[in-house]
């Protein structure tokens, strides 16, 4: 056998070895679940999440669709949020999850109430308004399609507002603990604080503008001290021609 044939056979053998190794190394050998802080360690919950993900063991790790697995998990578990799905070399997939935190409670057309999180996802349907001091009541609205697991899509301004609240430190339970009620008119969202004052933020603001407006209203509220401390107890903080101003009543 001449040297050329030996080289060809050696190359083919190397290719076969690489293909076999790739098939062995880069298949999904194990799927694990990492629960966030505050979630009770539960083998049953972990196993359910793995099954709901529909990630098939012994399939190619390169063919994994994180988006599809996330949708599968979240549709079957309305109260769970998939933070991310990691590929851990060589053949482990880790699903990182956390509980969704209810932030708003709103009436539905069926006469029951929907608990919604920061993404306006319906976490649970309950018979009566929630009384926890960290869930804000969303008044003046009746949700038309509020089944567990669905996202309420027609209120982008509110999603921007909740995102802005996170930027000023009012995330999750802190939002509902400070903003006890929310209602709107055609142009403005009115956020009633736990001390009685109301912060007024324009609904048509984009995410960046909403953050700036909420930050301005919040800082104006916090700066009411000494002789103006009563402005935390009632009235309205809104943006006027000269900046943030307080009025005892809406004109």
C-alpha atoms as a PDB file:
ATOM      1  CA  UNK A   1       0.000   0.000   0.000  1.00  0.00           C
ATOM      2  CA  UNK A   2       1.507   3.270  -1.072  1.00  0.00           C
ATOM      3  CA  UNK A   3       1.819   6.317   1.095  1.00  0.00           C
ATOM      4  CA  UNK A   4      -1.045   8.158  -0.634  1.00  0.00           C
ATOM      5  CA  UNK A   5      -3.554   5.395   0.170  1.00  0.00           C
ATOM      6  CA  UNK A   6      -2.320   5.255   3.753  1.00  0.00           C
ATOM      7  CA  UNK A   7      -2.840   9.025   4.069  1.00  0.00           C
ATOM      8  CA  UNK A   8      -6.358   8.763   2.617  1.00  0.00           C
ATOM      9  CA  UNK A   9      -7.340   5.936   4.994  1.00  0.00           C
ATOM     10  CA  UNK A  10      -5.843   7.816   7.930  1.00  0.00           C
ATOM     11  CA  UNK A  11      -7.832  10.946   7.035  1.00  0.00           C
ATOM     12  CA  UNK A  12     -11.058   8.961   6.700  1.00  0.00           C
ATOM     13  CA  UNK A  13     -10.425   7.271  10.026  1.00  0.00           C
ATOM     14  CA  UNK A  14      -9.831  10.628  11.670  1.00  0.00           C
ATOM     15  CA  UNK A  15     -13.085  11.978  10.238  1.00  0.00           C
ATOM     16  CA  UNK A  16     -14.995   8.923  11.486  1.00  0.00           C
ATOM     17  CA  UNK A  17     -13.482   9.297  14.940  1.00  0.00           C
ATOM     18  CA  UNK A  18     -14.396  12.997  15.041  1.00  0.00           C
ATOM     19  CA  UNK A  19     -17.968  12.274  13.947  1.00  0.00           C
ATOM     20  CA  UNK A  20     -18.364   9.548  16.579  1.00  0.00           C
ATOM     21  CA  UNK A  21     -16.900  11.769  19.294  1.00  0.00           C
ATOM     22  CA  UNK A  22     -19.141  14.650  18.269  1.00  0.00           C
ATOM     23  CA  UNK A  23     -22.194  12.411  18.428  1.00  0.00           C
ATOM     24  CA  UNK A  24     -21.196  11.240  21.900  1.00  0.00           C
ATOM     25  CA  UNK A  25     -19.916  14.498  23.395  1.00  0.00           C
ATOM     26  CA  UNK A  26     -22.389  16.993  21.958  1.00  0.00           C
ATOM     27  CA  UNK A  27     -25.626  15.216  22.719  1.00  0.00           C
ATOM     28  CA  UNK A  28     -27.710  16.289  25.699  1.00  0.00           C
ATOM     29  CA  UNK A  29     -26.810  13.869  28.438  1.00  0.00           C
ATOM     30  CA  UNK A  30     -28.455  15.624  31.369  1.00  0.00           C
ATOM     31  CA  UNK A  31     -30.969  18.411  31.995  1.00  0.00           C
ATOM     32  CA  UNK A  32     -30.843  20.186  35.364  1.00  0.00           C
ATOM     33  CA  UNK A  33     -32.904  22.940  36.988  1.00  0.00           C
ATOM     34  CA  UNK A  34     -31.493  25.714  39.164  1.00  0.00           C
ATOM     35  CA  UNK A  35     -34.083  27.353  41.413  1.00  0.00           C
ATOM     36  CA  UNK A  36     -33.573  30.980  42.390  1.00  0.00           C
ATOM     37  CA  UNK A  37     -33.182  32.175  45.964  1.00  0.00           C
ATOM     38  CA  UNK A  38     -36.499  31.931  47.784  1.00  0.00           C
ATOM     39  CA  UNK A  39     -37.809  28.956  45.841  1.00  0.00           C
ATOM     40  CA  UNK A  40     -38.357  25.854  47.926  1.00  0.00           C
ATOM     41  CA  UNK A  41     -36.061  23.018  46.910  1.00  0.00           C
ATOM     42  CA  UNK A  42     -38.362  20.443  45.381  1.00  0.00           C
ATOM     43  CA  UNK A  43     -37.352  17.390  43.326  1.00  0.00           C
ATOM     44  CA  UNK A  44     -40.945  17.193  42.056  1.00  0.00           C
ATOM     45  CA  UNK A  45     -40.855  20.791  40.793  1.00  0.00           C
ATOM     46  CA  UNK A  46     -37.504  20.258  39.112  1.00  0.00           C
ATOM     47  CA  UNK A  47     -38.741  17.129  37.374  1.00  0.00           C
ATOM     48  CA  UNK A  48     -41.934  18.864  36.238  1.00  0.00           C
ATOM     49  CA  UNK A  49     -39.975  21.756  34.748  1.00  0.00           C
ATOM     50  CA  UNK A  50     -37.714  19.341  32.878  1.00  0.00           C
ATOM     51  CA  UNK A  51     -40.693  17.428  31.505  1.00  0.00           C
ATOM     52  CA  UNK A  52     -42.569  20.610  30.590  1.00  0.00           C
ATOM     53  CA  UNK A  53     -39.527  21.950  28.723  1.00  0.00           C
ATOM     54  CA  UNK A  54     -39.747  19.039  26.252  1.00  0.00           C
ATOM     55  CA  UNK A  55     -35.954  19.083  25.967  1.00  0.00           C
ATOM     56  CA  UNK A  56     -35.103  15.624  24.711  1.00  0.00           C
ATOM     57  CA  UNK A  57     -32.131  13.836  26.212  1.00  0.00           C
ATOM     58  CA  UNK A  58     -29.672  12.348  23.746  1.00  0.00           C
ATOM     59  CA  UNK A  59     -30.578  14.921  21.105  1.00  0.00           C
ATOM     60  CA  UNK A  60     -28.011  17.337  19.685  1.00  0.00           C
ATOM     61  CA  UNK A  61     -27.135  20.153  22.052  1.00  0.00           C
ATOM     62  CA  UNK A  62     -26.759  22.410  19.011  1.00  0.00           C
ATOM     63  CA  UNK A  63     -30.367  21.807  18.010  1.00  0.00           C
ATOM     64  CA  UNK A  64     -31.737  23.061  21.324  1.00  0.00           C
ATOM     65  CA  UNK A  65     -34.213  25.959  20.998  1.00  0.00           C
ATOM     66  CA  UNK A  66     -34.130  28.005  24.194  1.00  0.00           C
ATOM     67  CA  UNK A  67     -37.127  30.044  23.032  1.00  0.00           C
ATOM     68  CA  UNK A  68     -39.306  26.980  22.478  1.00  0.00           C
ATOM     69  CA  UNK A  69     -38.271  25.355  25.769  1.00  0.00           C
ATOM     70  CA  UNK A  70     -38.935  28.614  27.630  1.00  0.00           C
ATOM     71  CA  UNK A  71     -42.393  28.931  26.070  1.00  0.00           C
ATOM     72  CA  UNK A  72     -43.181  25.308  26.946  1.00  0.00           C
ATOM     73  CA  UNK A  73     -42.205  25.782  30.598  1.00  0.00           C
ATOM     74  CA  UNK A  74     -43.919  29.124  31.096  1.00  0.00           C
ATOM     75  CA  UNK A  75     -47.168  28.095  29.434  1.00  0.00           C
ATOM     76  CA  UNK A  76     -47.428  25.073  31.738  1.00  0.00           C
ATOM     77  CA  UNK A  77     -46.328  27.016  34.833  1.00  0.00           C
ATOM     78  CA  UNK A  78     -47.840  30.546  34.897  1.00  0.00           C
ATOM     79  CA  UNK A  79     -46.102  31.480  38.145  1.00  0.00           C
ATOM     80  CA  UNK A  80     -42.607  30.568  36.924  1.00  0.00           C
ATOM     81  CA  UNK A  81     -40.252  32.698  34.866  1.00  0.00           C
ATOM     82  CA  UNK A  82     -37.367  31.162  32.938  1.00  0.00           C
ATOM     83  CA  UNK A  83     -34.359  33.400  33.514  1.00  0.00           C
ATOM     84  CA  UNK A  84     -32.220  31.641  30.934  1.00  0.00           C
ATOM     85  CA  UNK A  85     -31.226  28.226  29.605  1.00  0.00           C
ATOM     86  CA  UNK A  86     -27.509  27.475  29.609  1.00  0.00           C
ATOM     87  CA  UNK A  87     -25.526  24.980  27.603  1.00  0.00           C
ATOM     88  CA  UNK A  88     -22.825  23.674  29.899  1.00  0.00           C
ATOM     89  CA  UNK A  89     -20.040  21.842  28.094  1.00  0.00           C
ATOM     90  CA  UNK A  90     -19.913  19.230  27.054  1.00  0.00           C
ATOM     91  CA  UNK A  91     -23.459  17.850  27.299  1.00  0.00           C
ATOM     92  CA  UNK A  92     -25.448  19.422  30.161  1.00  0.00           C
ATOM     93  CA  UNK A  93     -28.365  21.849  29.835  1.00  0.00           C
ATOM     94  CA  UNK A  94     -29.268  23.937  32.878  1.00  0.00           C
ATOM     95  CA  UNK A  95     -32.628  25.706  33.193  1.00  0.00           C
ATOM     96  CA  UNK A  96     -32.565  28.689  35.566  1.00  0.00           C
ATOM     97  CA  UNK A  97     -35.965  29.689  36.918  1.00  0.00           C
ATOM     98  CA  UNK A  98     -37.590  32.017  39.441  1.00  0.00           C
ATOM     99  CA  UNK A  99     -41.087  32.671  40.691  1.00  0.00           C
ATOM    100  CA  UNK A 100     -42.965  35.541  39.119  1.00  0.00           C
ATOM    101  CA  UNK A 101     -43.974  38.183  41.660  1.00  0.00           C
ATOM    102  CA  UNK A 102     -47.545  39.526  41.544  1.00  0.00           C
ATOM    103  CA  UNK A 103     -47.477  43.319  41.400  1.00  0.00           C
ATOM    104  CA  UNK A 104     -50.955  44.304  40.186  1.00  0.00           C
ATOM    105  CA  UNK A 105     -54.501  43.101  40.795  1.00  0.00           C
ATOM    106  CA  UNK A 106     -57.124  43.917  38.155  1.00  0.00           C
ATOM    107  CA  UNK A 107     -60.772  43.101  37.556  1.00  0.00           C
ATOM    108  CA  UNK A 108     -61.649  40.795  34.636  1.00  0.00           C
ATOM    109  CA  UNK A 109     -64.813  40.685  32.554  1.00  0.00           C
ATOM    110  CA  UNK A 110     -65.788  37.480  34.356  1.00  0.00           C
ATOM    111  CA  UNK A 111     -65.996  39.399  37.625  1.00  0.00           C
ATOM    112  CA  UNK A 112     -62.925  37.760  39.159  1.00  0.00           C
ATOM    113  CA  UNK A 113     -59.459  39.253  39.580  1.00  0.00           C
ATOM    114  CA  UNK A 114     -56.167  38.688  37.798  1.00  0.00           C
ATOM    115  CA  UNK A 115     -52.795  38.903  39.499  1.00  0.00           C
ATOM    116  CA  UNK A 116     -50.183  40.241  37.086  1.00  0.00           C
ATOM    117  CA  UNK A 117     -46.422  40.480  37.284  1.00  0.00           C
ATOM    118  CA  UNK A 118     -43.954  43.009  35.862  1.00  0.00           C
ATOM    119  CA  UNK A 119     -44.431  41.597  32.336  1.00  0.00           C
ATOM    120  CA  UNK A 120     -48.250  41.814  32.671  1.00  0.00           C
ATOM    121  CA  UNK A 121     -48.491  38.041  32.701  1.00  0.00           C
ATOM    122  CA  UNK A 122     -51.527  36.611  34.473  1.00  0.00           C
ATOM    123  CA  UNK A 123     -50.053  34.527  37.285  1.00  0.00           C
ATOM    124  CA  UNK A 124     -53.284  33.571  39.024  1.00  0.00           C
ATOM    125  CA  UNK A 125     -57.013  34.192  38.908  1.00  0.00           C
ATOM    126  CA  UNK A 126     -58.567  34.890  42.317  1.00  0.00           C
ATOM    127  CA  UNK A 127     -62.134  35.487  43.463  1.00  0.00           C
ATOM    128  CA  UNK A 128     -61.533  38.698  45.419  1.00  0.00           C
ATOM    129  CA  UNK A 129     -59.088  41.603  45.306  1.00  0.00           C
ATOM    130  CA  UNK A 130     -55.818  40.814  47.012  1.00  0.00           C
ATOM    131  CA  UNK A 131     -55.267  42.456  50.363  1.00  0.00           C
ATOM    132  CA  UNK A 132     -51.500  41.978  50.638  1.00  0.00           C
ATOM    133  CA  UNK A 133     -49.727  45.262  51.174  1.00  0.00           C
ATOM    134  CA  UNK A 134     -47.360  44.523  48.278  1.00  0.00           C
ATOM    135  CA  UNK A 135     -49.932  44.087  45.489  1.00  0.00           C
ATOM    136  CA  UNK A 136     -51.147  47.308  43.881  1.00  0.00           C
ATOM    137  CA  UNK A 137     -54.803  47.586  42.876  1.00  0.00           C
ATOM    138  CA  UNK A 138     -55.291  48.564  39.218  1.00  0.00           C
ATOM    139  CA  UNK A 139     -58.596  50.417  39.213  1.00  0.00           C
ATOM    140  CA  UNK A 140     -60.763  51.577  36.336  1.00  0.00           C
ATOM    141  CA  UNK A 141     -59.951  48.712  33.982  1.00  0.00           C
ATOM    142  CA  UNK A 142     -61.678  45.458  33.064  1.00  0.00           C
ATOM    143  CA  UNK A 143     -59.387  42.941  31.415  1.00  0.00           C
ATOM    144  CA  UNK A 144     -61.018  41.146  28.490  1.00  0.00           C
ATOM    145  CA  UNK A 145     -58.714  38.141  28.113  1.00  0.00           C
ATOM    146  CA  UNK A 146     -57.217  37.260  31.461  1.00  0.00           C
ATOM    147  CA  UNK A 147     -56.598  33.533  31.566  1.00  0.00           C
ATOM    148  CA  UNK A 148     -53.767  32.152  33.666  1.00  0.00           C
ATOM    149  CA  UNK A 149     -50.542  32.118  31.691  1.00  0.00           C
ATOM    150  CA  UNK A 150     -51.463  34.776  29.091  1.00  0.00           C
ATOM    151  CA  UNK A 151     -49.766  38.135  28.669  1.00  0.00           C
ATOM    152  CA  UNK A 152     -51.921  41.271  28.612  1.00  0.00           C
ATOM    153  CA  UNK A 153     -50.568  42.831  25.441  1.00  0.00           C
ATOM    154  CA  UNK A 154     -52.506  46.071  24.962  1.00  0.00           C
ATOM    155  CA  UNK A 155     -50.938  48.042  27.815  1.00  0.00           C
ATOM    156  CA  UNK A 156     -47.378  48.683  26.664  1.00  0.00           C
ATOM    157  CA  UNK A 157     -47.310  51.980  28.557  1.00  0.00           C
ATOM    158  CA  UNK A 158     -47.839  50.107  31.815  1.00  0.00           C
ATOM    159  CA  UNK A 159     -45.033  47.654  31.073  1.00  0.00           C
ATOM    160  CA  UNK A 160     -42.782  50.668  30.444  1.00  0.00           C
ATOM    161  CA  UNK A 161     -43.936  52.202  33.708  1.00  0.00           C
ATOM    162  CA  UNK A 162     -43.205  49.037  35.702  1.00  0.00           C
ATOM    163  CA  UNK A 163     -39.806  48.802  34.034  1.00  0.00           C
ATOM    164  CA  UNK A 164     -39.157  52.413  35.010  1.00  0.00           C
ATOM    165  CA  UNK A 165     -40.178  51.642  38.592  1.00  0.00           C
ATOM    166  CA  UNK A 166     -37.447  48.998  38.746  1.00  0.00           C
ATOM    167  CA  UNK A 167     -34.887  51.616  37.751  1.00  0.00           C
ATOM    168  CA  UNK A 168     -35.771  53.775  40.753  1.00  0.00           C
ATOM    169  CA  UNK A 169     -35.724  50.834  43.159  1.00  0.00           C
ATOM    170  CA  UNK A 170     -39.456  50.072  43.156  1.00  0.00           C
ATOM    171  CA  UNK A 171     -39.285  46.489  41.931  1.00  0.00           C
ATOM    172  CA  UNK A 172     -41.487  43.524  42.804  1.00  0.00           C
ATOM    173  CA  UNK A 173     -42.997  43.852  46.300  1.00  0.00           C
ATOM    174  CA  UNK A 174     -41.529  47.329  46.749  1.00  0.00           C
ATOM    175  CA  UNK A 175     -43.758  48.678  43.992  1.00  0.00           C
ATOM    176  CA  UNK A 176     -46.993  47.466  45.549  1.00  0.00           C
ATOM    177  CA  UNK A 177     -45.868  48.433  49.030  1.00  0.00           C
ATOM    178  CA  UNK A 178     -45.373  52.033  47.876  1.00  0.00           C
ATOM    179  CA  UNK A 179     -47.980  52.355  45.100  1.00  0.00           C
ATOM    180  CA  UNK A 180     -51.210  51.069  46.618  1.00  0.00           C
ATOM    181  CA  UNK A 181     -53.497  51.974  43.705  1.00  0.00           C
ATOM    182  CA  UNK A 182     -53.192  52.824  40.032  1.00  0.00           C
ATOM    183  CA  UNK A 183     -55.787  54.398  37.765  1.00  0.00           C
ATOM    184  CA  UNK A 184     -55.659  56.274  34.473  1.00  0.00           C
ATOM    185  CA  UNK A 185     -57.400  58.694  32.176  1.00  0.00           C
ATOM    186  CA  UNK A 186     -56.699  59.197  28.458  1.00  0.00           C
ATOM    187  CA  UNK A 187     -53.270  60.741  28.979  1.00  0.00           C
ATOM    188  CA  UNK A 188     -52.023  60.088  32.489  1.00  0.00           C
ATOM    189  CA  UNK A 189     -51.373  57.289  34.968  1.00  0.00           C
ATOM    190  CA  UNK A 190     -52.097  58.236  38.573  1.00  0.00           C
ATOM    191  CA  UNK A 191     -50.102  56.343  41.176  1.00  0.00           C
ATOM    192  CA  UNK A 192     -51.468  56.635  44.702  1.00  0.00           C
ATOM    193  CA  UNK A 193     -48.692  56.249  47.285  1.00  0.00           C
ATOM    194  CA  UNK A 194     -49.035  54.628  50.678  1.00  0.00           C
ATOM    195  CA  UNK A 195     -48.852  58.057  52.344  1.00  0.00           C
ATOM    196  CA  UNK A 196     -51.688  59.571  50.320  1.00  0.00           C
ATOM    197  CA  UNK A 197     -49.943  61.632  47.640  1.00  0.00           C
ATOM    198  CA  UNK A 198     -50.399  60.783  43.954  1.00  0.00           C
ATOM    199  CA  UNK A 199     -47.629  60.704  41.327  1.00  0.00           C
ATOM    200  CA  UNK A 200     -48.773  61.645  37.818  1.00  0.00           C
ATOM    201  CA  UNK A 201     -46.931  60.102  34.852  1.00  0.00           C
ATOM    202  CA  UNK A 202     -47.860  60.500  31.183  1.00  0.00           C
ATOM    203  CA  UNK A 203     -49.014  57.276  29.534  1.00  0.00           C
ATOM    204  CA  UNK A 204     -47.632  58.034  26.076  1.00  0.00           C
ATOM    205  CA  UNK A 205     -44.021  58.067  27.273  1.00  0.00           C
ATOM    206  CA  UNK A 206     -41.637  55.437  25.969  1.00  0.00           C
ATOM    207  CA  UNK A 207     -39.578  53.352  28.378  1.00  0.00           C
ATOM    208  CA  UNK A 208     -36.771  55.918  28.708  1.00  0.00           C
ATOM    209  CA  UNK A 209     -39.204  58.806  29.145  1.00  0.00           C
ATOM    210  CA  UNK A 210     -41.299  56.840  31.625  1.00  0.00           C
ATOM    211  CA  UNK A 211     -38.195  56.190  33.715  1.00  0.00           C
ATOM    212  CA  UNK A 212     -37.286  59.871  33.662  1.00  0.00           C
ATOM    213  CA  UNK A 213     -40.809  60.972  34.557  1.00  0.00           C
ATOM    214  CA  UNK A 214     -41.237  58.457  37.350  1.00  0.00           C
ATOM    215  CA  UNK A 215     -37.807  59.285  38.734  1.00  0.00           C
ATOM    216  CA  UNK A 216     -38.672  62.986  38.691  1.00  0.00           C
ATOM    217  CA  UNK A 217     -42.014  62.489  40.418  1.00  0.00           C
ATOM    218  CA  UNK A 218     -40.505  60.114  42.974  1.00  0.00           C
ATOM    219  CA  UNK A 219     -37.618  62.466  43.806  1.00  0.00           C
ATOM    220  CA  UNK A 220     -39.966  65.444  44.110  1.00  0.00           C
ATOM    221  CA  UNK A 221     -42.080  63.412  46.512  1.00  0.00           C
ATOM    222  CA  UNK A 222     -39.039  62.362  48.563  1.00  0.00           C
ATOM    223  CA  UNK A 223     -37.729  65.936  48.722  1.00  0.00           C
ATOM    224  CA  UNK A 224     -40.917  67.166  50.373  1.00  0.00           C
ATOM    225  CA  UNK A 225     -39.583  67.716  53.875  1.00  0.00           C
ATOM    226  CA  UNK A 226     -39.920  70.198  56.708  1.00  0.00           C
ATOM    227  CA  UNK A 227     -42.605  72.754  55.911  1.00  0.00           C
ATOM    228  CA  UNK A 228     -43.559  70.882  52.734  1.00  0.00           C
ATOM    229  CA  UNK A 229     -43.693  67.422  54.311  1.00  0.00           C
ATOM    230  CA  UNK A 230     -47.496  67.547  54.196  1.00  0.00           C
ATOM    231  CA  UNK A 231     -47.223  67.229  50.417  1.00  0.00           C
ATOM    232  CA  UNK A 232     -46.540  63.533  50.946  1.00  0.00           C
ATOM    233  CA  UNK A 233     -49.870  63.108  52.694  1.00  0.00           C
ATOM    234  CA  UNK A 234     -52.119  64.064  49.793  1.00  0.00           C
ATOM    235  CA  UNK A 235     -52.380  66.073  46.602  1.00  0.00           C
ATOM    236  CA  UNK A 236     -50.741  65.459  43.235  1.00  0.00           C
ATOM    237  CA  UNK A 237     -47.171  65.617  41.967  1.00  0.00           C
ATOM    238  CA  UNK A 238     -47.102  66.414  38.251  1.00  0.00           C
ATOM    239  CA  UNK A 239     -44.776  67.926  35.683  1.00  0.00           C
ATOM    240  CA  UNK A 240     -45.548  71.560  34.943  1.00  0.00           C
ATOM    241  CA  UNK A 241     -43.919  74.315  32.919  1.00  0.00           C
ATOM    242  CA  UNK A 242     -41.507  75.079  35.759  1.00  0.00           C
ATOM    243  CA  UNK A 243     -40.741  71.462  36.622  1.00  0.00           C
ATOM    244  CA  UNK A 244     -42.289  69.115  39.144  1.00  0.00           C
ATOM    245  CA  UNK A 245     -44.957  70.803  41.179  1.00  0.00           C
ATOM    246  CA  UNK A 246     -47.460  69.832  43.850  1.00  0.00           C
ATOM    247  CA  UNK A 247     -51.123  70.735  43.798  1.00  0.00           C
ATOM    248  CA  UNK A 248     -53.714  69.877  46.466  1.00  0.00           C
ATOM    249  CA  UNK A 249     -56.258  68.869  43.825  1.00  0.00           C
ATOM    250  CA  UNK A 250     -56.536  68.319  40.092  1.00  0.00           C
ATOM    251  CA  UNK A 251     -58.003  71.311  38.294  1.00  0.00           C
END
